[in-house]
C-alpha cells in the first residue's frame, strides 16, 4: 500500500531537476550578458579609436606649435593641414609617447605612422594587447603618402 503524497526520493529528485534547470538558465543569461558587455565595450573602443584618429590627422593641436613650445599640449594634434602631418610633431611624439597617453588618457594602445613609399615606420608608440578596435587614416607627410594606424586594447 502506497502512502499519499510525495516520497523523499521523488522530492529530492524534483529539487535536483529544478536546481539543474535554474543553474542552466542562470549560466545562459550570464554568458549572454558577458557577450553583450563585450560587444558594447568593443563599440565604445571603436568610436574612441575613430575620434582620436580624426583629431590626430585633422587638427594641429592646442597650442598650434606645441612641438616647439616645450610645454604639454592641451590638445594633441599632428596635422599641419587637413590629413597632412607635421614631421616636427611626429618627431616630438616619437621621442615622448607619454604625450599621447596623457592627452587621450589611454594606456592600452599602439599608434604607428608608416611611410607608404618605402614602408618605413616613422612613429611607433604603445605595445601589443588584446585588440578591441583598429582604425586607419591615409595621410601625407612632407609630400609622400603615409598611413596612421591606431589600435586600442582595453
Protein backbone atom coordinates (compact mmCIF):
# COMPACT_ATOMS: atom_id res chain seq x y z
CA UNK A 1 0.00 0.00 0.00
CA UNK A 2 1.34 3.36 -1.03
CA UNK A 3 1.20 6.44 1.11
CA UNK A 4 -0.50 9.50 -0.18
CA UNK A 5 1.81 12.38 -1.03
CA UNK A 6 5.32 12.57 -2.37
CA UNK A 7 8.12 10.32 -1.21
CA UNK A 8 11.52 11.58 -0.13
CA UNK A 9 13.19 10.24 -3.27
CA UNK A 10 10.66 11.90 -5.56
CA UNK A 11 11.02 15.16 -3.61
CA UNK A 12 14.84 15.08 -3.79
CA UNK A 13 14.72 14.24 -7.49
CA UNK A 14 12.37 17.16 -8.24
CA UNK A 15 14.57 19.57 -6.21
CA UNK A 16 17.62 18.31 -8.13
CA UNK A 17 15.91 18.79 -11.52
CA UNK A 18 14.66 22.26 -10.53
CA UNK A 19 18.17 23.26 -9.36
CA UNK A 20 19.71 21.96 -12.57
CA UNK A 21 17.24 23.94 -14.71
CA UNK A 22 17.82 27.07 -12.61
CA UNK A 23 21.61 26.69 -12.86
CA UNK A 24 21.45 26.18 -16.64
CA UNK A 25 19.23 29.21 -17.04
CA UNK A 26 21.49 31.44 -14.94
CA UNK A 27 24.56 30.23 -16.88
CA UNK A 28 22.83 31.02 -20.19
CA UNK A 29 21.87 34.53 -19.02
CA UNK A 30 25.36 35.17 -17.67
CA UNK A 31 27.01 34.17 -20.98
CA UNK A 32 24.65 36.38 -22.99
CA UNK A 33 25.26 39.34 -20.70
CA UNK A 34 29.04 38.93 -20.97
CA UNK A 35 28.79 38.81 -24.78
CA UNK A 36 26.63 41.94 -24.75
CA UNK A 37 29.01 43.83 -22.46
CA UNK A 38 32.00 42.76 -24.59
CA UNK A 39 30.23 43.92 -27.76
CA UNK A 40 29.32 47.23 -26.12
CA UNK A 41 32.87 47.85 -24.89
CA UNK A 42 34.21 46.97 -28.35
CA UNK A 43 31.83 49.51 -29.90
CA UNK A 44 32.91 52.15 -27.38
CA UNK A 45 36.57 51.37 -28.19
CA UNK A 46 35.86 51.64 -31.94
CA UNK A 47 34.15 55.02 -31.53
CA UNK A 48 37.00 56.29 -29.36
CA UNK A 49 39.57 54.99 -31.86
CA UNK A 50 37.86 56.80 -34.74
CA UNK A 51 37.60 60.03 -32.76
CA UNK A 52 41.26 60.00 -31.69
CA UNK A 53 42.46 59.20 -35.22
CA UNK A 54 40.42 62.09 -36.62
CA UNK A 55 41.84 64.50 -34.06
CA UNK A 56 45.40 63.41 -34.86
CA UNK A 57 45.12 63.84 -38.63
CA UNK A 58 42.77 66.82 -38.85
CA UNK A 59 43.94 69.10 -36.05
CA UNK A 60 47.23 70.81 -35.28
CA UNK A 61 46.64 70.80 -31.54
CA UNK A 62 46.46 73.45 -28.85
CA UNK A 63 48.73 75.33 -28.85
CA UNK A 64 49.23 75.01 -32.61
CA UNK A 65 53.01 74.78 -32.29
CA UNK A 66 53.05 72.55 -29.20
CA UNK A 67 56.07 70.67 -30.55
CA UNK A 68 58.20 73.83 -30.31
CA UNK A 69 56.75 75.33 -27.12
CA UNK A 70 58.22 72.69 -24.81
CA UNK A 71 55.01 72.56 -22.78
CA UNK A 72 52.40 69.83 -22.59
CA UNK A 73 49.78 70.30 -25.31
CA UNK A 74 46.23 71.00 -24.15
CA UNK A 75 45.03 69.13 -27.24
CA UNK A 76 47.34 66.86 -29.20
CA UNK A 77 47.12 67.07 -32.98
CA UNK A 78 49.70 66.06 -35.58
CA UNK A 79 48.39 67.95 -38.59
CA UNK A 80 49.92 70.92 -40.33
CA UNK A 81 46.91 70.81 -42.67
CA UNK A 82 43.95 68.51 -43.21
CA UNK A 83 45.36 64.95 -43.47
CA UNK A 84 48.83 66.47 -43.84
CA UNK A 85 51.05 65.63 -40.88
CA UNK A 86 53.88 67.71 -39.48
CA UNK A 87 57.23 65.91 -39.41
CA UNK A 88 58.28 68.02 -36.39
CA UNK A 89 55.19 66.93 -34.43
CA UNK A 90 55.78 63.29 -35.38
CA UNK A 91 59.41 63.53 -34.24
CA UNK A 92 58.39 65.11 -30.92
CA UNK A 93 55.77 62.44 -30.29
CA UNK A 94 58.19 59.67 -31.29
CA UNK A 95 60.60 60.97 -28.62
CA UNK A 96 57.88 61.16 -25.97
CA UNK A 97 54.97 58.73 -26.41
CA UNK A 98 53.60 59.68 -22.99
CA UNK A 99 52.31 62.86 -24.64
CA UNK A 100 49.77 60.69 -26.47
CA UNK A 101 48.90 58.68 -23.37
CA UNK A 102 48.30 61.76 -21.25
CA UNK A 103 46.49 63.73 -23.94
CA UNK A 104 43.93 60.98 -24.60
CA UNK A 105 44.09 59.21 -21.23
CA UNK A 106 44.77 55.90 -22.89
CA UNK A 107 47.35 53.28 -22.00
CA UNK A 108 46.33 50.10 -23.83
CA UNK A 109 47.14 51.10 -27.39
CA UNK A 110 49.59 51.07 -30.27
CA UNK A 111 49.98 54.07 -32.57
CA UNK A 112 52.01 53.77 -35.75
CA UNK A 113 52.68 56.14 -38.61
CA UNK A 114 54.06 54.47 -41.72
CA UNK A 115 55.70 55.94 -44.82
CA UNK A 116 53.98 54.03 -47.64
CA UNK A 117 56.70 54.92 -50.16
CA UNK A 118 59.31 52.69 -48.54
CA UNK A 119 57.16 51.05 -45.79
CA UNK A 120 59.33 52.57 -43.07
CA UNK A 121 57.89 53.22 -39.64
CA UNK A 122 58.02 56.92 -38.72
CA UNK A 123 56.31 56.61 -35.35
CA UNK A 124 55.70 53.60 -33.12
CA UNK A 125 54.18 54.18 -29.68
CA UNK A 126 52.47 51.72 -27.36
CA UNK A 127 52.56 47.94 -27.27
CA UNK A 128 50.59 44.83 -28.16
CA UNK A 129 47.48 43.58 -26.37
CA UNK A 130 44.03 42.05 -26.80
CA UNK A 131 42.75 44.06 -29.77
CA UNK A 132 39.39 45.79 -29.29
CA UNK A 133 39.47 48.41 -32.06
CA UNK A 134 41.62 49.36 -35.03
CA UNK A 135 41.35 52.37 -37.29
CA UNK A 136 43.48 53.77 -40.10
CA UNK A 137 43.82 57.11 -41.84
CA UNK A 138 45.64 57.88 -45.08
CA UNK A 139 47.80 60.97 -44.75
CA UNK A 140 50.54 62.95 -46.42
CA UNK A 141 53.85 63.72 -44.72
CA UNK A 142 56.30 66.06 -46.48
CA UNK A 143 54.90 65.18 -49.89
CA UNK A 144 54.87 61.40 -49.52
CA UNK A 145 51.93 59.13 -48.74
CA UNK A 146 51.60 57.69 -45.28
CA UNK A 147 49.20 55.89 -43.00
CA UNK A 148 48.23 56.40 -39.37
CA UNK A 149 47.21 53.18 -37.63
CA UNK A 150 45.71 53.23 -34.13
CA UNK A 151 44.89 50.05 -32.24
CA UNK A 152 43.18 50.05 -28.85
CA UNK A 153 43.41 47.15 -26.40
CA UNK A 154 41.19 47.84 -23.42
